[in-house]
Amino acid sequence: MIVVGELINASRKKIGEALSAQDADYIKEVAAAQHNAGAAFIDVNAGIFVEEEPEYIKWLVENVQEVVDGPCSIDSPSPVAIEAALSAHKGTPMINSISLEKDRYDALLPIVAGTDFKVVALCMSDEGMPETVEDRLTIADKLVNALVQNNVDIDNIYVDPLVQPISTNKDFGTGFLDSIEQIVKRFKGVHTMCGLSNISFGLPNRKFLNQLFGVMAISKGLDGLIINPLDTRMMANIVAAEALAGKDDYCMNYLKAFREGLFEN
């Protein structure tokens, strides 16, 4: 499972305040905590600061990588902001994300073409949010083929079928799960990625629903999650779900997590 730590997002009050104040110590603390908890990538997002986004996202990359020996997920639809972040980034980043929306697609495809970047391919087009499995698969097909034709290795593509709230449509959960299953079957070698929190929007006990939905998605083939890695129950669920889904040879990861006390929380 590829875990992307979601906490360094300017829409979160404390992160936004830290960005405004250029509080590097707080950003470093949050980055290190996520990395130590098992995040393979640290997501950086400065999107609420429209004018300052390129400067701020570069600053985030610099400070995160001062304390984390690993890559960032550069979270922006802006090519200017992404280029600024890339100018400071060490190693191979994840670009979060390209979509089939024309302006975003045209701006970001030249940035990722021919690189070894990890690329999140978001199942969204100018027609809006997909509502059916077929909608998602149609967009995924176009995005995956375009990326491969532009020399992005299929192993570096992470398709995100978009999680939508079941409070607005009871079929959104099963639609997402079925999409994961079909994407894994149709596009051999491609990865799947998502953020879980939208599934529980508008409902009580959201953390519980998110945790359970993550387990269900892993059983369908999901292998990437944008989450809070400090949620130890979520991280324990991921390890257990992968063992039960046959993705953990001899349950080595499960046993390691048990020895480290992950299941005691």
C-alpha atoms as a PDB file:
ATOM      1  CA  MET A   1       0.000   0.000   0.000  1.00  0.00           C
ATOM      2  CA  ILE A   2       1.273   3.436  -0.978  1.00  0.00           C
ATOM      3  CA  VAL A   3       0.232   5.857   1.769  1.00  0.00           C
ATOM      4  CA  VAL A   4       0.229   9.570   0.988  1.00  0.00           C
ATOM      5  CA  GLY A   5       0.097  11.747   4.105  1.00  0.00           C
ATOM      6  CA  GLU A   6      -2.638  14.340   3.640  1.00  0.00           C
ATOM      7  CA  LEU A   7      -2.088  16.681   6.586  1.00  0.00           C
ATOM      8  CA  ILE A   8       0.013  19.456   5.002  1.00  0.00           C
ATOM      9  CA  ASN A   9      -2.874  21.119   3.233  1.00  0.00           C
ATOM     10  CA  ALA A  10      -3.419  24.862   3.516  1.00  0.00           C
ATOM     11  CA  SER A  11      -7.176  24.344   3.836  1.00  0.00           C
ATOM     12  CA  ARG A  12      -6.477  22.936   7.310  1.00  0.00           C
ATOM     13  CA  LYS A  13      -6.532  25.886   9.703  1.00  0.00           C
ATOM     14  CA  LYS A  14      -3.217  25.252  11.473  1.00  0.00           C
ATOM     15  CA  ILE A  15      -1.378  24.578   8.222  1.00  0.00           C
ATOM     16  CA  GLY A  16      -2.794  27.725   6.640  1.00  0.00           C
ATOM     17  CA  GLU A  17      -1.693  29.742   9.659  1.00  0.00           C
ATOM     18  CA  ALA A  18       1.764  28.156   9.572  1.00  0.00           C
ATOM     19  CA  LEU A  19       2.118  29.041   5.894  1.00  0.00           C
ATOM     20  CA  SER A  20       1.065  32.641   6.490  1.00  0.00           C
ATOM     21  CA  ALA A  21       3.511  32.936   9.385  1.00  0.00           C
ATOM     22  CA  GLN A  22       6.223  30.906   7.610  1.00  0.00           C
ATOM     23  CA  ASP A  23       6.356  28.676  10.667  1.00  0.00           C
ATOM     24  CA  ALA A  24       8.818  26.102   9.361  1.00  0.00           C
ATOM     25  CA  ASP A  25       9.083  24.254  12.664  1.00  0.00           C
ATOM     26  CA  TYR A  26       5.398  23.321  12.679  1.00  0.00           C
ATOM     27  CA  ILE A  27       5.461  22.161   9.055  1.00  0.00           C
ATOM     28  CA  LYS A  28       8.529  20.036   9.754  1.00  0.00           C
ATOM     29  CA  GLU A  29       6.886  18.522  12.832  1.00  0.00           C
ATOM     30  CA  VAL A  30       3.782  17.485  10.870  1.00  0.00           C
ATOM     31  CA  ALA A  31       5.868  16.148   7.975  1.00  0.00           C
ATOM     32  CA  ALA A  32       8.157  14.073  10.192  1.00  0.00           C
ATOM     33  CA  ALA A  33       5.232  12.630  12.165  1.00  0.00           C
ATOM     34  CA  GLN A  34       3.516  11.453   8.982  1.00  0.00           C
ATOM     35  CA  HIS A  35       6.708   9.964   7.559  1.00  0.00           C
ATOM     36  CA  ASN A  36       7.455   8.140  10.816  1.00  0.00           C
ATOM     37  CA  ALA A  37       3.899   6.762  10.842  1.00  0.00           C
ATOM     38  CA  GLY A  38       4.390   5.130   7.450  1.00  0.00           C
ATOM     39  CA  ALA A  39       3.607   7.701   4.758  1.00  0.00           C
ATOM     40  CA  ALA A  40       5.606   7.033   1.587  1.00  0.00           C
ATOM     41  CA  PHE A  41       4.778  10.489   0.176  1.00  0.00           C
ATOM     42  CA  ILE A  42       4.021  13.732   1.993  1.00  0.00           C
ATOM     43  CA  ASP A  43       1.309  15.693   0.200  1.00  0.00           C
ATOM     44  CA  VAL A  44       1.907  19.455   0.009  1.00  0.00           C
ATOM     45  CA  ASN A  45      -0.921  21.807  -0.902  1.00  0.00           C
ATOM     46  CA  ALA A  46      -0.967  25.613  -0.744  1.00  0.00           C
ATOM     47  CA  GLY A  47      -4.000  26.045  -2.964  1.00  0.00           C
ATOM     48  CA  ILE A  48      -5.995  28.516  -0.855  1.00  0.00           C
ATOM     49  CA  PHE A  49      -3.242  31.098  -1.349  1.00  0.00           C
ATOM     50  CA  VAL A  50      -3.880  31.786  -5.024  1.00  0.00           C
ATOM     51  CA  GLU A  51      -1.320  34.552  -5.562  1.00  0.00           C
ATOM     52  CA  GLU A  52       1.351  33.067  -3.298  1.00  0.00           C
ATOM     53  CA  GLU A  53       0.828  29.401  -4.223  1.00  0.00           C
ATOM     54  CA  PRO A  54       4.041  28.901  -6.269  1.00  0.00           C
ATOM     55  CA  GLU A  55       6.184  30.514  -3.573  1.00  0.00           C
ATOM     56  CA  TYR A  56       4.417  28.738  -0.720  1.00  0.00           C
ATOM     57  CA  ILE A  57       4.380  25.250  -2.237  1.00  0.00           C
ATOM     58  CA  LYS A  58       8.093  25.511  -3.013  1.00  0.00           C
ATOM     59  CA  TRP A  59       8.681  26.558   0.601  1.00  0.00           C
ATOM     60  CA  LEU A  60       6.680  23.562   1.786  1.00  0.00           C
ATOM     61  CA  VAL A  61       8.738  21.148  -0.323  1.00  0.00           C
ATOM     62  CA  GLU A  62      11.987  22.622   0.980  1.00  0.00           C
ATOM     63  CA  ASN A  63      10.939  22.356   4.619  1.00  0.00           C
ATOM     64  CA  VAL A  64       9.357  18.916   4.351  1.00  0.00           C
ATOM     65  CA  GLN A  65      12.456  17.469   2.710  1.00  0.00           C
ATOM     66  CA  GLU A  66      14.717  18.964   5.359  1.00  0.00           C
ATOM     67  CA  VAL A  67      13.284  16.430   7.825  1.00  0.00           C
ATOM     68  CA  VAL A  68      11.908  13.681   5.581  1.00  0.00           C
ATOM     69  CA  ASP A  69      14.159  11.462   3.516  1.00  0.00           C
ATOM     70  CA  GLY A  70      11.505  10.806   0.920  1.00  0.00           C
ATOM     71  CA  PRO A  71       9.385  12.367  -1.809  1.00  0.00           C
ATOM     72  CA  CYS A  72       6.447  14.749  -1.801  1.00  0.00           C
ATOM     73  CA  SER A  73       3.111  14.549  -3.521  1.00  0.00           C
ATOM     74  CA  ILE A  74       2.789  17.928  -5.227  1.00  0.00           C
ATOM     75  CA  ASP A  75      -0.885  18.731  -4.930  1.00  0.00           C
ATOM     76  CA  SER A  76      -1.969  21.468  -7.326  1.00  0.00           C
ATOM     77  CA  PRO A  77      -3.715  21.936 -10.680  1.00  0.00           C
ATOM     78  CA  SER A  78      -1.450  24.926 -11.407  1.00  0.00           C
ATOM     79  CA  PRO A  79       1.503  24.269 -13.728  1.00  0.00           C
ATOM     80  CA  VAL A  80       3.270  27.347 -12.351  1.00  0.00           C
ATOM     81  CA  ALA A  81       2.980  26.051  -8.783  1.00  0.00           C
ATOM     82  CA  ILE A  82       4.049  22.550  -9.797  1.00  0.00           C
ATOM     83  CA  GLU A  83       7.097  23.850 -11.660  1.00  0.00           C
ATOM     84  CA  ALA A  84       8.038  25.915  -8.607  1.00  0.00           C
ATOM     85  CA  ALA A  85       7.736  22.861  -6.357  1.00  0.00           C
ATOM     86  CA  LEU A  86       9.732  20.713  -8.776  1.00  0.00           C
ATOM     87  CA  SER A  87      12.556  23.261  -8.785  1.00  0.00           C
ATOM     88  CA  ALA A  88      13.121  22.499  -5.099  1.00  0.00           C
ATOM     89  CA  HIS A  89      12.174  18.831  -4.946  1.00  0.00           C
ATOM     90  CA  LYS A  90      14.757  16.089  -4.410  1.00  0.00           C
ATOM     91  CA  GLY A  91      14.071  12.660  -5.827  1.00  0.00           C
ATOM     92  CA  THR A  92      10.995  11.445  -7.690  1.00  0.00           C
ATOM     93  CA  PRO A  93       7.759  13.213  -6.751  1.00  0.00           C
ATOM     94  CA  MET A  94       4.119  12.360  -7.216  1.00  0.00           C
ATOM     95  CA  ILE A  95       2.044  14.850  -9.230  1.00  0.00           C
ATOM     96  CA  ASN A  96      -1.459  15.136  -7.780  1.00  0.00           C
ATOM     97  CA  SER A  97      -3.188  15.342 -10.215  1.00  0.00           C
ATOM     98  CA  ILE A  98      -3.923  15.385 -13.924  1.00  0.00           C
ATOM     99  CA  SER A  99      -7.494  15.014 -15.168  1.00  0.00           C
ATOM    100  CA  LEU A 100      -9.396  15.036 -18.443  1.00  0.00           C
ATOM    101  CA  GLU A 101     -10.522  18.618 -17.861  1.00  0.00           C
ATOM    102  CA  LYS A 102      -9.080  20.343 -20.938  1.00  0.00           C
ATOM    103  CA  ASP A 103      -7.307  23.272 -19.285  1.00  0.00           C
ATOM    104  CA  ARG A 104      -5.776  21.097 -16.575  1.00  0.00           C
ATOM    105  CA  TYR A 105      -4.880  18.307 -19.026  1.00  0.00           C
ATOM    106  CA  ASP A 106      -3.226  20.650 -21.533  1.00  0.00           C
ATOM    107  CA  ALA A 107      -1.242  22.393 -18.807  1.00  0.00           C
ATOM    108  CA  LEU A 108      -0.007  19.333 -16.927  1.00  0.00           C
ATOM    109  CA  LEU A 109       0.627  16.761 -19.650  1.00  0.00           C
ATOM    110  CA  PRO A 110       3.831  18.506 -20.863  1.00  0.00           C
ATOM    111  CA  ILE A 111       5.125  18.555 -17.272  1.00  0.00           C
ATOM    112  CA  VAL A 112       4.752  14.796 -16.703  1.00  0.00           C
ATOM    113  CA  ALA A 113       5.446  13.551 -20.255  1.00  0.00           C
ATOM    114  CA  GLY A 114       8.632  11.529 -20.531  1.00  0.00           C
ATOM    115  CA  THR A 115       9.384  11.709 -16.806  1.00  0.00           C
ATOM    116  CA  ASP A 116       9.571   9.090 -14.081  1.00  0.00           C
ATOM    117  CA  PHE A 117       7.153  11.054 -11.891  1.00  0.00           C
ATOM    118  CA  LYS A 118       4.322   9.220 -10.178  1.00  0.00           C
ATOM    119  CA  VAL A 119       1.097  10.664 -11.608  1.00  0.00           C
ATOM    120  CA  VAL A 120      -2.373  10.636 -10.073  1.00  0.00           C
ATOM    121  CA  ALA A 121      -4.894  10.403 -12.934  1.00  0.00           C
ATOM    122  CA  LEU A 122      -8.152  11.838 -11.631  1.00  0.00           C
ATOM    123  CA  CYS A 123     -11.348  10.542 -13.247  1.00  0.00           C
ATOM    124  CA  MET A 124     -12.868  13.934 -13.921  1.00  0.00           C
ATOM    125  CA  SER A 125     -13.651  15.665 -17.217  1.00  0.00           C
ATOM    126  CA  ASP A 126     -15.206  18.907 -18.398  1.00  0.00           C
ATOM    127  CA  GLU A 127     -18.559  17.146 -18.103  1.00  0.00           C
ATOM    128  CA  GLY A 128     -18.133  17.144 -14.318  1.00  0.00           C
ATOM    129  CA  MET A 129     -17.970  14.437 -11.658  1.00  0.00           C
ATOM    130  CA  PRO A 130     -18.497  10.893 -12.973  1.00  0.00           C
ATOM    131  CA  GLU A 131     -21.510   9.147 -11.491  1.00  0.00           C
ATOM    132  CA  THR A 132     -21.322   5.641 -12.954  1.00  0.00           C
ATOM    133  CA  VAL A 133     -18.689   2.958 -13.296  1.00  0.00           C
ATOM    134  CA  GLU A 134     -18.722   3.383 -17.064  1.00  0.00           C
ATOM    135  CA  ASP A 135     -18.185   7.146 -16.735  1.00  0.00           C
ATOM    136  CA  ARG A 136     -15.090   6.487 -14.648  1.00  0.00           C
ATOM    137  CA  LEU A 137     -13.757   3.775 -16.938  1.00  0.00           C
ATOM    138  CA  THR A 138     -14.189   5.951 -20.029  1.00  0.00           C
ATOM    139  CA  ILE A 139     -12.155   8.756 -18.466  1.00  0.00           C
ATOM    140  CA  ALA A 140      -9.580   6.331 -17.046  1.00  0.00           C
ATOM    141  CA  ASP A 141      -9.096   4.755 -20.483  1.00  0.00           C
ATOM    142  CA  LYS A 142      -8.401   8.119 -22.107  1.00  0.00           C
ATOM    143  CA  LEU A 143      -6.063   9.265 -19.361  1.00  0.00           C
ATOM    144  CA  VAL A 144      -4.068   6.040 -19.089  1.00  0.00           C
ATOM    145  CA  ASN A 145      -3.625   5.787 -22.856  1.00  0.00           C
ATOM    146  CA  ALA A 146      -2.619   9.441 -23.180  1.00  0.00           C
ATOM    147  CA  LEU A 147      -0.055   9.142 -20.397  1.00  0.00           C
ATOM    148  CA  VAL A 148       1.445   5.938 -21.796  1.00  0.00           C
ATOM    149  CA  GLN A 149       1.587   7.468 -25.289  1.00  0.00           C
ATOM    150  CA  ASN A 150       3.486  10.377 -23.732  1.00  0.00           C
ATOM    151  CA  ASN A 151       6.090   8.064 -22.228  1.00  0.00           C
ATOM    152  CA  VAL A 152       4.787   7.805 -18.686  1.00  0.00           C
ATOM    153  CA  ASP A 153       5.430   4.273 -17.468  1.00  0.00           C
ATOM    154  CA  ILE A 154       2.203   2.481 -16.585  1.00  0.00           C
ATOM    155  CA  ASP A 155       3.695   1.539 -13.204  1.00  0.00           C
ATOM    156  CA  ASN A 156       3.821   5.268 -12.418  1.00  0.00           C
ATOM    157  CA  ILE A 157       0.115   5.886 -13.093  1.00  0.00           C
ATOM    158  CA  TYR A 158      -2.294   6.009 -10.135  1.00  0.00           C
ATOM    159  CA  VAL A 159      -5.921   6.194 -11.277  1.00  0.00           C
ATOM    160  CA  ASP A 160      -8.248   7.940  -8.827  1.00  0.00           C
ATOM    161  CA  PRO A 161     -11.900   7.074  -9.630  1.00  0.00           C
ATOM    162  CA  LEU A 162     -13.154   9.767  -7.211  1.00  0.00           C
ATOM    163  CA  VAL A 163     -14.890   8.989  -3.955  1.00  0.00           C
ATOM    164  CA  GLN A 164     -18.246  10.747  -3.586  1.00  0.00           C
ATOM    165  CA  PRO A 165     -20.554  10.958  -0.540  1.00  0.00           C
ATOM    166  CA  ILE A 166     -23.067   8.202   0.055  1.00  0.00           C
ATOM    167  CA  SER A 167     -25.194  10.763   1.893  1.00  0.00           C
ATOM    168  CA  THR A 168     -26.154  12.187  -1.503  1.00  0.00           C
ATOM    169  CA  ASN A 169     -26.446   8.920  -3.457  1.00  0.00           C
ATOM    170  CA  LYS A 170     -26.533   5.457  -1.896  1.00  0.00           C
ATOM    171  CA  ASP A 171     -24.795   3.958  -4.949  1.00  0.00           C
ATOM    172  CA  PHE A 172     -21.677   6.127  -4.819  1.00  0.00           C
ATOM    173  CA  GLY A 173     -19.847   3.726  -2.492  1.00  0.00           C
ATOM    174  CA  THR A 174     -20.477   0.586  -4.516  1.00  0.00           C
ATOM    175  CA  GLY A 175     -19.864   2.521  -7.735  1.00  0.00           C
ATOM    176  CA  PHE A 176     -16.408   3.490  -6.548  1.00  0.00           C
ATOM    177  CA  LEU A 177     -15.599  -0.042  -5.375  1.00  0.00           C
ATOM    178  CA  ASP A 178     -16.744  -1.567  -8.672  1.00  0.00           C
ATOM    179  CA  SER A 179     -14.639   1.008 -10.538  1.00  0.00           C
ATOM    180  CA  ILE A 180     -11.514   0.002  -8.623  1.00  0.00           C
ATOM    181  CA  GLU A 181     -12.138  -3.650  -9.454  1.00  0.00           C
ATOM    182  CA  GLN A 182     -12.651  -2.914 -13.162  1.00  0.00           C
ATOM    183  CA  ILE A 183      -9.649  -0.575 -13.445  1.00  0.00           C
ATOM    184  CA  VAL A 184      -7.342  -3.194 -11.934  1.00  0.00           C
ATOM    185  CA  LYS A 185      -8.688  -5.797 -14.396  1.00  0.00           C
ATOM    186  CA  ARG A 186      -8.618  -3.629 -17.523  1.00  0.00           C
ATOM    187  CA  PHE A 187      -5.346  -1.769 -17.103  1.00  0.00           C
ATOM    188  CA  LYS A 188      -2.699  -4.294 -16.146  1.00  0.00           C
ATOM    189  CA  GLY A 189       0.140  -2.699 -14.206  1.00  0.00           C
ATOM    190  CA  VAL A 190      -1.700   0.504 -13.351  1.00  0.00           C
ATOM    191  CA  HIS A 191      -2.177   1.533  -9.717  1.00  0.00           C
ATOM    192  CA  THR A 192      -5.232   2.951  -7.981  1.00  0.00           C
ATOM    193  CA  MET A 193      -5.352   5.833  -5.533  1.00  0.00           C
ATOM    194  CA  CYS A 194      -7.957   7.817  -3.628  1.00  0.00           C
ATOM    195  CA  GLY A 195      -8.724  10.066  -0.703  1.00  0.00           C
ATOM    196  CA  LEU A 196     -11.396   8.466   1.486  1.00  0.00           C
ATOM    197  CA  SER A 197     -12.942  11.306   3.425  1.00  0.00           C
ATOM    198  CA  ASN A 198     -15.648  12.287   0.917  1.00  0.00           C
ATOM    199  CA  ILE A 199     -17.425   8.955   1.377  1.00  0.00           C
ATOM    200  CA  SER A 200     -18.702  10.005   4.814  1.00  0.00           C
ATOM    201  CA  PHE A 201     -19.442  13.671   4.110  1.00  0.00           C
ATOM    202  CA  GLY A 202     -22.510  14.872   5.998  1.00  0.00           C
ATOM    203  CA  LEU A 203     -22.708  11.782   8.225  1.00  0.00           C
ATOM    204  CA  PRO A 204     -21.851  11.175  11.899  1.00  0.00           C
ATOM    205  CA  ASN A 205     -18.920   9.043  13.026  1.00  0.00           C
ATOM    206  CA  ARG A 206     -17.035   9.813   9.824  1.00  0.00           C
ATOM    207  CA  LYS A 207     -13.738   8.288  10.915  1.00  0.00           C
ATOM    208  CA  PHE A 208     -15.380   4.891  11.438  1.00  0.00           C
ATOM    209  CA  LEU A 209     -17.001   4.952   7.978  1.00  0.00           C
ATOM    210  CA  ASN A 210     -13.737   6.017   6.338  1.00  0.00           C
ATOM    211  CA  GLN A 211     -11.814   3.204   8.022  1.00  0.00           C
ATOM    212  CA  LEU A 212     -14.323   0.573   6.978  1.00  0.00           C
ATOM    213  CA  PHE A 213     -14.540   1.865   3.419  1.00  0.00           C
ATOM    214  CA  GLY A 214     -10.753   1.715   3.136  1.00  0.00           C
ATOM    215  CA  VAL A 215     -10.829  -1.991   4.001  1.00  0.00           C
ATOM    216  CA  MET A 216     -13.548  -2.610   1.408  1.00  0.00           C
ATOM    217  CA  ALA A 217     -11.572  -0.747  -1.273  1.00  0.00           C
ATOM    218  CA  ILE A 218      -8.398  -2.714  -0.553  1.00  0.00           C
ATOM    219  CA  SER A 219     -10.349  -5.938  -1.045  1.00  0.00           C
ATOM    220  CA  LYS A 220     -11.196  -4.693  -4.570  1.00  0.00           C
ATOM    221  CA  GLY A 221      -7.578  -3.915  -5.460  1.00  0.00           C
ATOM    222  CA  LEU A 222      -6.913  -0.394  -4.177  1.00  0.00           C
ATOM    223  CA  ASP A 223      -3.188   0.065  -3.555  1.00  0.00           C
ATOM    224  CA  GLY A 224      -2.849   3.775  -2.784  1.00  0.00           C
ATOM    225  CA  LEU A 225      -4.498   5.955  -0.131  1.00  0.00           C
ATOM    226  CA  ILE A 226      -4.328   9.669   0.610  1.00  0.00           C
ATOM    227  CA  ILE A 227      -5.043   9.659   4.345  1.00  0.00           C
ATOM    228  CA  ASN A 228      -3.989  10.818   7.774  1.00  0.00           C
ATOM    229  CA  PRO A 229      -1.284   8.287   8.673  1.00  0.00           C
ATOM    230  CA  LEU A 230      -1.461   9.361  12.310  1.00  0.00           C
ATOM    231  CA  ASP A 231      -4.806   7.536  12.490  1.00  0.00           C
ATOM    232  CA  THR A 232      -3.383   4.327  13.923  1.00  0.00           C
ATOM    233  CA  ARG A 233      -6.646   2.414  13.536  1.00  0.00           C
ATOM    234  CA  MET A 234      -6.685   3.238   9.828  1.00  0.00           C
ATOM    235  CA  MET A 235      -3.070   2.156   9.443  1.00  0.00           C
ATOM    236  CA  ALA A 236      -3.760  -1.086  11.329  1.00  0.00           C
ATOM    237  CA  ASN A 237      -6.795  -1.741   9.143  1.00  0.00           C
ATOM    238  CA  ILE A 238      -4.675  -1.301   6.016  1.00  0.00           C
ATOM    239  CA  VAL A 239      -2.111  -3.864   7.170  1.00  0.00           C
ATOM    240  CA  ALA A 240      -4.799  -6.362   8.179  1.00  0.00           C
ATOM    241  CA  ALA A 241      -6.845  -5.840   4.994  1.00  0.00           C
ATOM    242  CA  GLU A 242      -3.823  -6.412   2.761  1.00  0.00           C
ATOM    243  CA  ALA A 243      -2.995  -9.638   4.612  1.00  0.00           C
ATOM    244  CA  LEU A 244      -6.576 -10.865   4.242  1.00  0.00           C
ATOM    245  CA  ALA A 245      -6.660  -9.849   0.562  1.00  0.00           C
ATOM    246  CA  GLY A 246      -3.596 -11.956  -0.234  1.00  0.00           C
ATOM    247  CA  LYS A 247      -1.254  -9.000  -0.693  1.00  0.00           C
ATOM    248  CA  ASP A 248       1.145  -9.827   2.134  1.00  0.00           C
ATOM    249  CA  ASP A 249       3.339 -12.873   1.505  1.00  0.00           C
ATOM    250  CA  TYR A 250       3.473 -15.081   4.592  1.00  0.00           C
ATOM    251  CA  CYS A 251       1.806 -12.163   6.457  1.00  0.00           C
ATOM    252  CA  MET A 252       5.232 -10.621   6.989  1.00  0.00           C
ATOM    253  CA  ASN A 253       3.946  -7.030   7.109  1.00  0.00           C
ATOM    254  CA  TYR A 254       1.144  -8.035   9.469  1.00  0.00           C
ATOM    255  CA  LEU A 255       3.568  -9.779  11.820  1.00  0.00           C
ATOM    256  CA  LYS A 256       5.969  -6.839  11.724  1.00  0.00           C
ATOM    257  CA  ALA A 257       3.146  -4.422  12.563  1.00  0.00           C
ATOM    258  CA  PHE A 258       2.006  -6.677  15.410  1.00  0.00           C
ATOM    259  CA  ARG A 259       5.517  -6.783  16.878  1.00  0.00           C
ATOM    260  CA  GLU A 260       5.690  -2.988  16.657  1.00  0.00           C
ATOM    261  CA  GLY A 261       2.443  -2.663  18.613  1.00  0.00           C
ATOM    262  CA  LEU A 262       0.283  -1.181  15.858  1.00  0.00           C
ATOM    263  CA  PHE A 263      -2.738  -3.249  16.878  1.00  0.00           C
ATOM    264  CA  GLU A 264      -2.627  -2.206  20.524  1.00  0.00           C
ATOM    265  CA  ASN A 265      -4.287   1.165  19.863  1.00  0.00           C
END
